[in-house]
């Protein structure tokens, strides 16, 4: 699907049919948004604007150092956009081509960032004179969304920490899985932010757009730096949380070991006495005594109670 946005004086016109892109309209196109484009749609735009697009596989295989590429008449950018669905998340690559004053975006999934920008675009079209303005605003909205995800992640970490410290009840695998998923999400956010930091740092050095945008790019870079610092803090919190959880597990395991140790110590003397009198040797003096049974049972009871009494006096139980 292709959406073309054409500037008509101070208003924005919307075109979703390729046949409407004639000579006069082409010169007024400010943004072409391509969502899961077909081969025919890509070929049509390439031929119309004399631009070569990378395939989806090529965008995913591009090296980190080559995600920003600038030529004489255009800038090619491939940026990560974090996609979160229920308990899963992944980084989706979105391609941008800035050709003269026009922006072309190519994406293969529906993203909230673009829906949010569309509402702002039609509400205040005067703010967006060129494709560079649109590109910067899309990234700005995406950075704000990343900040919201980081804030929610921080709350989830706090929630898991409280659960470990107060409501822990033998949910080892569930808690470890939750900590691991939070670490994965934080790592993806960090990768996402680092990618945008590299792209905007290179974009800031370009001379192809108006000077007023450089201030906005500088502000975005500062915001990204703050968010990266916060992801580092989240990594430290998750590491601390994992250490706490391991400590709680060790305490629980020590309690179990302690209980079995006490049980072994308590039952060891009675077992020894029972074993001695179970030998049935004639030389045992109490073997034929009528009170021998009561004596052995009494010794077993006393020998089992005595360790418990000693442990309590020592404060071990």
C-alpha atoms as a PDB file:
ATOM      1  CA  UNK A   1       0.000   0.000   0.000  1.00  0.00           C
ATOM      2  CA  UNK A   2       1.284   3.437  -0.983  1.00  0.00           C
ATOM      3  CA  UNK A   3       0.223   6.743   0.528  1.00  0.00           C
ATOM      4  CA  UNK A   4       1.367   9.938  -1.169  1.00  0.00           C
ATOM      5  CA  UNK A   5       1.128  13.300   0.566  1.00  0.00           C
ATOM      6  CA  UNK A   6       1.107  16.339  -1.698  1.00  0.00           C
ATOM      7  CA  UNK A   7       1.505  19.925  -0.526  1.00  0.00           C
ATOM      8  CA  UNK A   8      -1.080  22.286  -1.981  1.00  0.00           C
ATOM      9  CA  UNK A   9      -0.251  25.776  -0.719  1.00  0.00           C
ATOM     10  CA  UNK A  10      -0.789  25.502   3.073  1.00  0.00           C
ATOM     11  CA  UNK A  11      -2.804  22.278   2.960  1.00  0.00           C
ATOM     12  CA  UNK A  12      -1.917  18.607   2.516  1.00  0.00           C
ATOM     13  CA  UNK A  13      -3.640  16.414  -0.080  1.00  0.00           C
ATOM     14  CA  UNK A  14      -3.677  12.640   0.193  1.00  0.00           C
ATOM     15  CA  UNK A  15      -3.259  10.285  -2.783  1.00  0.00           C
ATOM     16  CA  UNK A  16      -3.526   6.498  -2.549  1.00  0.00           C
ATOM     17  CA  UNK A  17      -3.820   5.705  -6.270  1.00  0.00           C
ATOM     18  CA  UNK A  18      -0.635   5.475  -8.328  1.00  0.00           C
ATOM     19  CA  UNK A  19      -2.417   6.643 -11.480  1.00  0.00           C
ATOM     20  CA  UNK A  20      -2.932  10.097  -9.927  1.00  0.00           C
ATOM     21  CA  UNK A  21       0.817  10.731  -9.819  1.00  0.00           C
ATOM     22  CA  UNK A  22       1.166  12.797 -12.987  1.00  0.00           C
ATOM     23  CA  UNK A  23       3.728  15.434 -13.909  1.00  0.00           C
ATOM     24  CA  UNK A  24       2.288  18.356 -11.922  1.00  0.00           C
ATOM     25  CA  UNK A  25       1.545  16.310  -8.830  1.00  0.00           C
ATOM     26  CA  UNK A  26       4.993  14.693  -8.727  1.00  0.00           C
ATOM     27  CA  UNK A  27       6.668  18.056  -8.166  1.00  0.00           C
ATOM     28  CA  UNK A  28       4.441  18.708  -5.126  1.00  0.00           C
ATOM     29  CA  UNK A  29       4.913  15.332  -3.410  1.00  0.00           C
ATOM     30  CA  UNK A  30       6.401  15.831   0.052  1.00  0.00           C
ATOM     31  CA  UNK A  31       6.121  12.321   1.491  1.00  0.00           C
ATOM     32  CA  UNK A  32       5.508   8.810   0.144  1.00  0.00           C
ATOM     33  CA  UNK A  33       4.749   6.228   2.820  1.00  0.00           C
ATOM     34  CA  UNK A  34       5.029   2.644   1.567  1.00  0.00           C
ATOM     35  CA  UNK A  35       3.512   0.007   3.860  1.00  0.00           C
ATOM     36  CA  UNK A  36       4.220  -3.590   2.804  1.00  0.00           C
ATOM     37  CA  UNK A  37       4.598  -2.515  -0.826  1.00  0.00           C
ATOM     38  CA  UNK A  38       4.167  -4.976  -3.667  1.00  0.00           C
ATOM     39  CA  UNK A  39       6.747  -5.497  -6.381  1.00  0.00           C
ATOM     40  CA  UNK A  40       4.662  -3.469  -8.859  1.00  0.00           C
ATOM     41  CA  UNK A  41       4.324  -0.566  -6.420  1.00  0.00           C
ATOM     42  CA  UNK A  42       8.043  -0.477  -5.736  1.00  0.00           C
ATOM     43  CA  UNK A  43       8.842  -0.637  -9.453  1.00  0.00           C
ATOM     44  CA  UNK A  44       6.389   2.188 -10.188  1.00  0.00           C
ATOM     45  CA  UNK A  45       7.895   4.534  -7.563  1.00  0.00           C
ATOM     46  CA  UNK A  46      11.437   3.646  -8.640  1.00  0.00           C
ATOM     47  CA  UNK A  47      10.665   4.466 -12.263  1.00  0.00           C
ATOM     48  CA  UNK A  48       8.685   7.608 -11.424  1.00  0.00           C
ATOM     49  CA  UNK A  49      11.322   9.194  -9.179  1.00  0.00           C
ATOM     50  CA  UNK A  50      14.422   7.412 -10.590  1.00  0.00           C
ATOM     51  CA  UNK A  51      15.253   5.882  -7.217  1.00  0.00           C
ATOM     52  CA  UNK A  52      16.467   2.394  -6.363  1.00  0.00           C
ATOM     53  CA  UNK A  53      15.002   0.840  -3.189  1.00  0.00           C
ATOM     54  CA  UNK A  54      16.694  -1.845  -1.073  1.00  0.00           C
ATOM     55  CA  UNK A  55      14.771  -5.087  -0.559  1.00  0.00           C
ATOM     56  CA  UNK A  56      13.539  -6.123   2.901  1.00  0.00           C
ATOM     57  CA  UNK A  57      16.305  -8.734   3.142  1.00  0.00           C
ATOM     58  CA  UNK A  58      18.920  -6.145   2.212  1.00  0.00           C
ATOM     59  CA  UNK A  59      17.712  -3.698   4.875  1.00  0.00           C
ATOM     60  CA  UNK A  60      17.931  -6.395   7.540  1.00  0.00           C
ATOM     61  CA  UNK A  61      21.432  -7.458   6.474  1.00  0.00           C
ATOM     62  CA  UNK A  62      22.892  -3.942   6.274  1.00  0.00           C
ATOM     63  CA  UNK A  63      25.878  -3.505   8.581  1.00  0.00           C
ATOM     64  CA  UNK A  64      25.678  -1.041  11.460  1.00  0.00           C
ATOM     65  CA  UNK A  65      28.231   1.246   9.829  1.00  0.00           C
ATOM     66  CA  UNK A  66      26.169   1.399   6.610  1.00  0.00           C
ATOM     67  CA  UNK A  67      22.728   2.216   8.009  1.00  0.00           C
ATOM     68  CA  UNK A  68      23.224   5.859   7.064  1.00  0.00           C
ATOM     69  CA  UNK A  69      24.329   6.633   3.524  1.00  0.00           C
ATOM     70  CA  UNK A  70      24.529  10.066   1.908  1.00  0.00           C
ATOM     71  CA  UNK A  71      24.932  10.803  -1.781  1.00  0.00           C
ATOM     72  CA  UNK A  72      24.788  13.945  -3.933  1.00  0.00           C
ATOM     73  CA  UNK A  73      21.008  14.210  -4.203  1.00  0.00           C
ATOM     74  CA  UNK A  74      19.728  11.960  -1.428  1.00  0.00           C
ATOM     75  CA  UNK A  75      20.208  10.367   1.979  1.00  0.00           C
ATOM     76  CA  UNK A  76      19.419   6.701   2.675  1.00  0.00           C
ATOM     77  CA  UNK A  77      18.661   5.739   6.280  1.00  0.00           C
ATOM     78  CA  UNK A  78      17.719   2.392   7.827  1.00  0.00           C
ATOM     79  CA  UNK A  79      16.517   2.702  11.401  1.00  0.00           C
ATOM     80  CA  UNK A  80      15.195   0.305  14.051  1.00  0.00           C
ATOM     81  CA  UNK A  81      11.642   0.718  15.346  1.00  0.00           C
ATOM     82  CA  UNK A  82      10.724  -1.351  18.387  1.00  0.00           C
ATOM     83  CA  UNK A  83       7.563  -3.436  17.972  1.00  0.00           C
ATOM     84  CA  UNK A  84       5.973  -4.736  21.190  1.00  0.00           C
ATOM     85  CA  UNK A  85       3.131  -7.274  21.182  1.00  0.00           C
ATOM     86  CA  UNK A  86       1.885  -8.738  24.463  1.00  0.00           C
ATOM     87  CA  UNK A  87       4.967 -10.401  26.028  1.00  0.00           C
ATOM     88  CA  UNK A  88       7.124 -10.348  22.886  1.00  0.00           C
ATOM     89  CA  UNK A  89       9.074  -7.586  21.176  1.00  0.00           C
ATOM     90  CA  UNK A  90      11.486  -7.158  18.298  1.00  0.00           C
ATOM     91  CA  UNK A  91      13.240  -4.412  16.334  1.00  0.00           C
ATOM     92  CA  UNK A  92      11.767  -3.781  12.898  1.00  0.00           C
ATOM     93  CA  UNK A  93      13.870  -2.013  10.264  1.00  0.00           C
ATOM     94  CA  UNK A  94      12.284   0.986   8.516  1.00  0.00           C
ATOM     95  CA  UNK A  95      13.977   2.505   5.460  1.00  0.00           C
ATOM     96  CA  UNK A  96      13.942   6.242   4.730  1.00  0.00           C
ATOM     97  CA  UNK A  97      15.080   7.929   1.543  1.00  0.00           C
ATOM     98  CA  UNK A  98      15.407  11.713   1.549  1.00  0.00           C
ATOM     99  CA  UNK A  99      15.470  12.745  -2.097  1.00  0.00           C
ATOM    100  CA  UNK A 100      15.806  16.502  -2.552  1.00  0.00           C
ATOM    101  CA  UNK A 101      12.996  17.797  -0.261  1.00  0.00           C
ATOM    102  CA  UNK A 102      10.879  14.632  -0.458  1.00  0.00           C
ATOM    103  CA  UNK A 103      10.759  11.753   2.025  1.00  0.00           C
ATOM    104  CA  UNK A 104      10.082   8.128   1.083  1.00  0.00           C
ATOM    105  CA  UNK A 105       9.532   5.657   3.914  1.00  0.00           C
ATOM    106  CA  UNK A 106       9.395   1.891   3.407  1.00  0.00           C
ATOM    107  CA  UNK A 107       8.126  -0.401   6.172  1.00  0.00           C
ATOM    108  CA  UNK A 108       6.773  -3.916   6.364  1.00  0.00           C
ATOM    109  CA  UNK A 109       4.645  -3.660   9.475  1.00  0.00           C
ATOM    110  CA  UNK A 110       2.073  -1.230  10.825  1.00  0.00           C
ATOM    111  CA  UNK A 111       3.674   1.091  13.375  1.00  0.00           C
ATOM    112  CA  UNK A 112       2.002   3.307  15.954  1.00  0.00           C
ATOM    113  CA  UNK A 113       4.601   6.035  15.348  1.00  0.00           C
ATOM    114  CA  UNK A 114       3.398   6.641  11.795  1.00  0.00           C
ATOM    115  CA  UNK A 115      -0.268   6.690  12.829  1.00  0.00           C
ATOM    116  CA  UNK A 116       0.560   9.254  15.508  1.00  0.00           C
ATOM    117  CA  UNK A 117       2.512  11.390  13.049  1.00  0.00           C
ATOM    118  CA  UNK A 118      -0.327  11.288  10.502  1.00  0.00           C
ATOM    119  CA  UNK A 119      -2.683  12.869  13.023  1.00  0.00           C
ATOM    120  CA  UNK A 120      -0.164  15.611  13.762  1.00  0.00           C
ATOM    121  CA  UNK A 121       0.667  16.045  10.079  1.00  0.00           C
ATOM    122  CA  UNK A 122      -2.909  16.839   9.049  1.00  0.00           C
ATOM    123  CA  UNK A 123      -3.550  18.919  12.176  1.00  0.00           C
ATOM    124  CA  UNK A 124      -0.570  21.248  11.621  1.00  0.00           C
ATOM    125  CA  UNK A 125       0.609  20.908   7.986  1.00  0.00           C
ATOM    126  CA  UNK A 126       2.372  24.294   8.025  1.00  0.00           C
ATOM    127  CA  UNK A 127       5.051  22.895  10.356  1.00  0.00           C
ATOM    128  CA  UNK A 128       6.290  20.475   7.695  1.00  0.00           C
ATOM    129  CA  UNK A 129       7.744  22.195   4.681  1.00  0.00           C
ATOM    130  CA  UNK A 130      10.055  19.390   3.530  1.00  0.00           C
ATOM    131  CA  UNK A 131      10.612  15.680   3.935  1.00  0.00           C
ATOM    132  CA  UNK A 132      13.404  16.492   6.382  1.00  0.00           C
ATOM    133  CA  UNK A 133      10.855  18.041   8.758  1.00  0.00           C
ATOM    134  CA  UNK A 134       8.711  14.913   8.471  1.00  0.00           C
ATOM    135  CA  UNK A 135      11.638  12.573   9.070  1.00  0.00           C
ATOM    136  CA  UNK A 136      12.766  14.431  12.193  1.00  0.00           C
ATOM    137  CA  UNK A 137       9.243  14.514  13.593  1.00  0.00           C
ATOM    138  CA  UNK A 138       8.771  10.771  13.029  1.00  0.00           C
ATOM    139  CA  UNK A 139      11.986  10.038  14.914  1.00  0.00           C
ATOM    140  CA  UNK A 140      10.987  12.460  17.670  1.00  0.00           C
ATOM    141  CA  UNK A 141       7.678  10.631  18.157  1.00  0.00           C
ATOM    142  CA  UNK A 142       9.527   7.303  18.145  1.00  0.00           C
ATOM    143  CA  UNK A 143      11.965   8.517  20.811  1.00  0.00           C
ATOM    144  CA  UNK A 144       9.040   9.618  23.003  1.00  0.00           C
ATOM    145  CA  UNK A 145       7.501   6.150  22.546  1.00  0.00           C
ATOM    146  CA  UNK A 146      10.805   4.537  23.563  1.00  0.00           C
ATOM    147  CA  UNK A 147      10.814   6.729  26.681  1.00  0.00           C
ATOM    148  CA  UNK A 148       7.316   5.470  27.549  1.00  0.00           C
ATOM    149  CA  UNK A 149       8.450   1.853  27.109  1.00  0.00           C
ATOM    150  CA  UNK A 150      11.457   2.473  29.368  1.00  0.00           C
ATOM    151  CA  UNK A 151       9.195   4.015  32.010  1.00  0.00           C
ATOM    152  CA  UNK A 152       6.863   1.019  31.885  1.00  0.00           C
ATOM    153  CA  UNK A 153       9.860  -1.318  32.041  1.00  0.00           C
ATOM    154  CA  UNK A 154      11.099   0.447  35.181  1.00  0.00           C
ATOM    155  CA  UNK A 155       7.686  -0.052  36.810  1.00  0.00           C
ATOM    156  CA  UNK A 156       7.713  -3.753  35.862  1.00  0.00           C
ATOM    157  CA  UNK A 157      11.152  -4.143  37.444  1.00  0.00           C
ATOM    158  CA  UNK A 158       9.881  -2.517  40.653  1.00  0.00           C
ATOM    159  CA  UNK A 159       6.832  -4.801  40.625  1.00  0.00           C
ATOM    160  CA  UNK A 160       8.950  -7.948  40.228  1.00  0.00           C
ATOM    161  CA  UNK A 161      11.307  -6.777  42.988  1.00  0.00           C
ATOM    162  CA  UNK A 162       8.413  -6.318  45.421  1.00  0.00           C
ATOM    163  CA  UNK A 163       7.108  -9.752  44.482  1.00  0.00           C
ATOM    164  CA  UNK A 164      10.480 -11.371  45.131  1.00  0.00           C
ATOM    165  CA  UNK A 165      10.874  -9.677  48.511  1.00  0.00           C
ATOM    166  CA  UNK A 166       7.303  -9.951  49.835  1.00  0.00           C
ATOM    167  CA  UNK A 167       5.166 -12.447  47.909  1.00  0.00           C
ATOM    168  CA  UNK A 168       7.778 -14.996  46.861  1.00  0.00           C
ATOM    169  CA  UNK A 169       6.277 -18.510  46.937  1.00  0.00           C
ATOM    170  CA  UNK A 170       8.378 -21.081  45.067  1.00  0.00           C
ATOM    171  CA  UNK A 171       7.834 -19.584  41.594  1.00  0.00           C
ATOM    172  CA  UNK A 172      11.459 -20.038  40.566  1.00  0.00           C
ATOM    173  CA  UNK A 173      11.057 -20.598  36.826  1.00  0.00           C
ATOM    174  CA  UNK A 174       8.316 -17.978  36.441  1.00  0.00           C
ATOM    175  CA  UNK A 175      10.328 -15.247  38.177  1.00  0.00           C
ATOM    176  CA  UNK A 176      13.555 -16.117  36.346  1.00  0.00           C
ATOM    177  CA  UNK A 177      11.651 -16.081  33.050  1.00  0.00           C
ATOM    178  CA  UNK A 178      10.178 -12.674  33.885  1.00  0.00           C
ATOM    179  CA  UNK A 179      13.592 -11.224  34.754  1.00  0.00           C
ATOM    180  CA  UNK A 180      15.032 -12.665  31.537  1.00  0.00           C
ATOM    181  CA  UNK A 181      12.233 -11.150  29.398  1.00  0.00           C
ATOM    182  CA  UNK A 182      12.769  -7.741  31.031  1.00  0.00           C
ATOM    183  CA  UNK A 183      16.492  -7.959  30.281  1.00  0.00           C
ATOM    184  CA  UNK A 184      15.759  -8.858  26.632  1.00  0.00           C
ATOM    185  CA  UNK A 185      13.372  -5.906  26.273  1.00  0.00           C
ATOM    186  CA  UNK A 186      15.861  -3.511  27.855  1.00  0.00           C
ATOM    187  CA  UNK A 187      18.572  -4.820  25.517  1.00  0.00           C
ATOM    188  CA  UNK A 188      16.353  -4.257  22.472  1.00  0.00           C
ATOM    189  CA  UNK A 189      15.545  -0.723  23.625  1.00  0.00           C
ATOM    190  CA  UNK A 190      19.251  -0.047  24.112  1.00  0.00           C
ATOM    191  CA  UNK A 191      20.028  -1.362  20.619  1.00  0.00           C
ATOM    192  CA  UNK A 192      17.190   0.758  19.231  1.00  0.00           C
ATOM    193  CA  UNK A 193      18.489   3.933  20.904  1.00  0.00           C
ATOM    194  CA  UNK A 194      22.105   3.317  19.897  1.00  0.00           C
ATOM    195  CA  UNK A 195      20.976   2.918  16.308  1.00  0.00           C
ATOM    196  CA  UNK A 196      19.141   6.262  16.350  1.00  0.00           C
ATOM    197  CA  UNK A 197      22.061   7.934  18.087  1.00  0.00           C
ATOM    198  CA  UNK A 198      24.429   6.878  15.280  1.00  0.00           C
ATOM    199  CA  UNK A 199      21.959   7.933  12.591  1.00  0.00           C
ATOM    200  CA  UNK A 200      21.179  11.349  14.068  1.00  0.00           C
ATOM    201  CA  UNK A 201      24.848  12.032  14.762  1.00  0.00           C
ATOM    202  CA  UNK A 202      25.594  11.455  11.069  1.00  0.00           C
ATOM    203  CA  UNK A 203      22.455  13.360  10.032  1.00  0.00           C
ATOM    204  CA  UNK A 204      23.528  16.351  12.134  1.00  0.00           C
ATOM    205  CA  UNK A 205      26.670  16.725  10.018  1.00  0.00           C
ATOM    206  CA  UNK A 206      24.708  16.879   6.759  1.00  0.00           C
ATOM    207  CA  UNK A 207      24.316  20.189   4.916  1.00  0.00           C
ATOM    208  CA  UNK A 208      21.282  19.114   2.884  1.00  0.00           C
ATOM    209  CA  UNK A 209      18.579  20.524   5.187  1.00  0.00           C
ATOM    210  CA  UNK A 210      17.779  23.868   6.754  1.00  0.00           C
ATOM    211  CA  UNK A 211      19.769  25.065   9.742  1.00  0.00           C
ATOM    212  CA  UNK A 212      16.690  25.334  12.002  1.00  0.00           C
ATOM    213  CA  UNK A 213      16.382  21.541  12.134  1.00  0.00           C
ATOM    214  CA  UNK A 214      19.866  21.142  13.593  1.00  0.00           C
ATOM    215  CA  UNK A 215      18.592  22.418  16.938  1.00  0.00           C
ATOM    216  CA  UNK A 216      15.825  19.777  16.933  1.00  0.00           C
ATOM    217  CA  UNK A 217      18.321  17.032  16.050  1.00  0.00           C
ATOM    218  CA  UNK A 218      20.638  18.180  18.852  1.00  0.00           C
ATOM    219  CA  UNK A 219      17.755  18.035  21.356  1.00  0.00           C
ATOM    220  CA  UNK A 220      16.835  14.531  20.175  1.00  0.00           C
ATOM    221  CA  UNK A 221      20.434  13.392  20.644  1.00  0.00           C
ATOM    222  CA  UNK A 222      20.395  14.724  24.211  1.00  0.00           C
ATOM    223  CA  UNK A 223      17.120  12.886  24.883  1.00  0.00           C
ATOM    224  CA  UNK A 224      18.588   9.667  23.486  1.00  0.00           C
ATOM    225  CA  UNK A 225      21.666  10.061  25.682  1.00  0.00           C
ATOM    226  CA  UNK A 226      19.437  10.397  28.763  1.00  0.00           C
ATOM    227  CA  UNK A 227      17.415   7.334  27.748  1.00  0.00           C
ATOM    228  CA  UNK A 228      20.576   5.280  27.164  1.00  0.00           C
ATOM    229  CA  UNK A 229      21.750   6.214  30.656  1.00  0.00           C
ATOM    230  CA  UNK A 230      18.390   5.049  32.002  1.00  0.00           C
ATOM    231  CA  UNK A 231      18.698   1.718  30.207  1.00  0.00           C
ATOM    232  CA  UNK A 232      22.107   1.295  31.876  1.00  0.00           C
ATOM    233  CA  UNK A 233      20.401   1.950  35.215  1.00  0.00           C
ATOM    234  CA  UNK A 234      17.754  -0.658  34.355  1.00  0.00           C
ATOM    235  CA  UNK A 235      20.493  -3.192  33.573  1.00  0.00           C
ATOM    236  CA  UNK A 236      21.992  -2.529  37.003  1.00  0.00           C
ATOM    237  CA  UNK A 237      18.587  -2.901  38.658  1.00  0.00           C
ATOM    238  CA  UNK A 238      17.908  -6.171  36.837  1.00  0.00           C
ATOM    239  CA  UNK A 239      21.327  -7.510  37.801  1.00  0.00           C
ATOM    240  CA  UNK A 240      20.692  -6.473  41.411  1.00  0.00           C
ATOM    241  CA  UNK A 241      17.231  -8.055  41.262  1.00  0.00           C
ATOM    242  CA  UNK A 242      18.678 -11.299  39.942  1.00  0.00           C
ATOM    243  CA  UNK A 243      21.222 -11.340  42.772  1.00  0.00           C
ATOM    244  CA  UNK A 244      18.443 -10.758  45.307  1.00  0.00           C
ATOM    245  CA  UNK A 245      16.418 -13.598  43.820  1.00  0.00           C
ATOM    246  CA  UNK A 246      19.408 -15.949  43.933  1.00  0.00           C
ATOM    247  CA  UNK A 247      19.943 -14.910  47.564  1.00  0.00           C
ATOM    248  CA  UNK A 248      16.303 -15.624  48.417  1.00  0.00           C
ATOM    249  CA  UNK A 249      16.601 -19.018  46.718  1.00  0.00           C
ATOM    250  CA  UNK A 250      19.734 -19.770  48.748  1.00  0.00           C
ATOM    251  CA  UNK A 251      17.943 -18.859  51.984  1.00  0.00           C
ATOM    252  CA  UNK A 252      15.020 -21.100  51.094  1.00  0.00           C
ATOM    253  CA  UNK A 253      17.350 -23.957  50.186  1.00  0.00           C
ATOM    254  CA  UNK A 254      19.307 -23.485  53.425  1.00  0.00           C
ATOM    255  CA  UNK A 255      16.061 -23.708  55.389  1.00  0.00           C
ATOM    256  CA  UNK A 256      15.219 -26.998  53.712  1.00  0.00           C
ATOM    257  CA  UNK A 257      18.733 -28.352  54.268  1.00  0.00           C
ATOM    258  CA  UNK A 258      18.623 -27.208  57.879  1.00  0.00           C
ATOM    259  CA  UNK A 259      15.308 -28.968  58.438  1.00  0.00           C
ATOM    260  CA  UNK A 260      16.578 -32.250  57.010  1.00  0.00           C
ATOM    261  CA  UNK A 261      19.789 -31.947  59.017  1.00  0.00           C
ATOM    262  CA  UNK A 262      17.822 -31.542  62.242  1.00  0.00           C
ATOM    263  CA  UNK A 263      15.605 -34.475  61.338  1.00  0.00           C
ATOM    264  CA  UNK A 264      18.671 -36.625  60.678  1.00  0.00           C
ATOM    265  CA  UNK A 265      20.289 -35.632  63.956  1.00  0.00           C
ATOM    266  CA  UNK A 266      17.068 -36.185  65.924  1.00  0.00           C
ATOM    267  CA  UNK A 267      16.441 -39.658  64.524  1.00  0.00           C
ATOM    268  CA  UNK A 268      20.037 -40.863  64.421  1.00  0.00           C
ATOM    269  CA  UNK A 269      20.404 -41.768  68.181  1.00  0.00           C
ATOM    270  CA  UNK A 270      17.038 -43.616  68.352  1.00  0.00           C
ATOM    271  CA  UNK A 271      17.995 -45.488  65.191  1.00  0.00           C
ATOM    272  CA  UNK A 272      21.327 -46.456  66.747  1.00  0.00           C
ATOM    273  CA  UNK A 273      19.615 -47.713  69.923  1.00  0.00           C
ATOM    274  CA  UNK A 274      17.039 -49.656  67.901  1.00  0.00           C
ATOM    275  CA  UNK A 275      19.830 -51.190  65.818  1.00  0.00           C
ATOM    276  CA  UNK A 276      21.750 -52.301  68.930  1.00  0.00           C
ATOM    277  CA  UNK A 277      18.747 -53.990  70.517  1.00  0.00           C
ATOM    278  CA  UNK A 278      17.789 -55.502  67.195  1.00  0.00           C
ATOM    279  CA  UNK A 279      20.973 -57.591  67.103  1.00  0.00           C
ATOM    280  CA  UNK A 280      19.396 -60.350  69.260  1.00  0.00           C
ATOM    281  CA  UNK A 281      22.689 -61.391  70.845  1.00  0.00           C
ATOM    282  CA  UNK A 282      22.291 -63.443  74.064  1.00  0.00           C
ATOM    283  CA  UNK A 283      24.952 -61.427  75.821  1.00  0.00           C
ATOM    284  CA  UNK A 284      22.743 -58.329  75.801  1.00  0.00           C
ATOM    285  CA  UNK A 285      21.834 -57.972  79.510  1.00  0.00           C
ATOM    286  CA  UNK A 286      18.406 -56.424  78.855  1.00  0.00           C
ATOM    287  CA  UNK A 287      17.424 -58.986  76.207  1.00  0.00           C
ATOM    288  CA  UNK A 288      15.572 -61.309  78.614  1.00  0.00           C
ATOM    289  CA  UNK A 289      14.646 -58.644  81.158  1.00  0.00           C
ATOM    290  CA  UNK A 290      10.927 -57.933  81.366  1.00  0.00           C
ATOM    291  CA  UNK A 291      11.521 -54.161  81.434  1.00  0.00           C
ATOM    292  CA  UNK A 292      14.093 -54.229  78.592  1.00  0.00           C
ATOM    293  CA  UNK A 293      11.561 -53.146  75.979  1.00  0.00           C
ATOM    294  CA  UNK A 294      10.434 -50.155  78.033  1.00  0.00           C
ATOM    295  CA  UNK A 295      14.053 -49.228  78.723  1.00  0.00           C
ATOM    296  CA  UNK A 296      14.998 -49.242  75.045  1.00  0.00           C
ATOM    297  CA  UNK A 297      11.912 -47.237  74.025  1.00  0.00           C
ATOM    298  CA  UNK A 298      12.584 -44.728  76.785  1.00  0.00           C
ATOM    299  CA  UNK A 299      16.184 -44.326  75.692  1.00  0.00           C
ATOM    300  CA  UNK A 300      15.031 -43.759  72.102  1.00  0.00           C
ATOM    301  CA  UNK A 301      12.552 -41.073  73.173  1.00  0.00           C
ATOM    302  CA  UNK A 302      15.092 -39.302  75.391  1.00  0.00           C
ATOM    303  CA  UNK A 303      17.779 -39.436  72.693  1.00  0.00           C
ATOM    304  CA  UNK A 304      15.393 -37.843  70.174  1.00  0.00           C
ATOM    305  CA  UNK A 305      14.178 -35.098  72.529  1.00  0.00           C
ATOM    306  CA  UNK A 306      17.637 -34.192  73.830  1.00  0.00           C
ATOM    307  CA  UNK A 307      19.035 -32.871  70.475  1.00  0.00           C
ATOM    308  CA  UNK A 308      15.914 -30.732  69.944  1.00  0.00           C
ATOM    309  CA  UNK A 309      16.354 -29.256  73.445  1.00  0.00           C
ATOM    310  CA  UNK A 310      20.037 -28.538  72.814  1.00  0.00           C
ATOM    311  CA  UNK A 311      19.329 -26.932  69.430  1.00  0.00           C
ATOM    312  CA  UNK A 312      16.725 -24.635  70.951  1.00  0.00           C
ATOM    313  CA  UNK A 313      19.056 -23.629  73.782  1.00  0.00           C
ATOM    314  CA  UNK A 314      21.715 -22.793  71.220  1.00  0.00           C
ATOM    315  CA  UNK A 315      19.182 -20.820  69.129  1.00  0.00           C
ATOM    316  CA  UNK A 316      19.695 -22.943  66.044  1.00  0.00           C
ATOM    317  CA  UNK A 317      15.974 -23.614  65.597  1.00  0.00           C
END
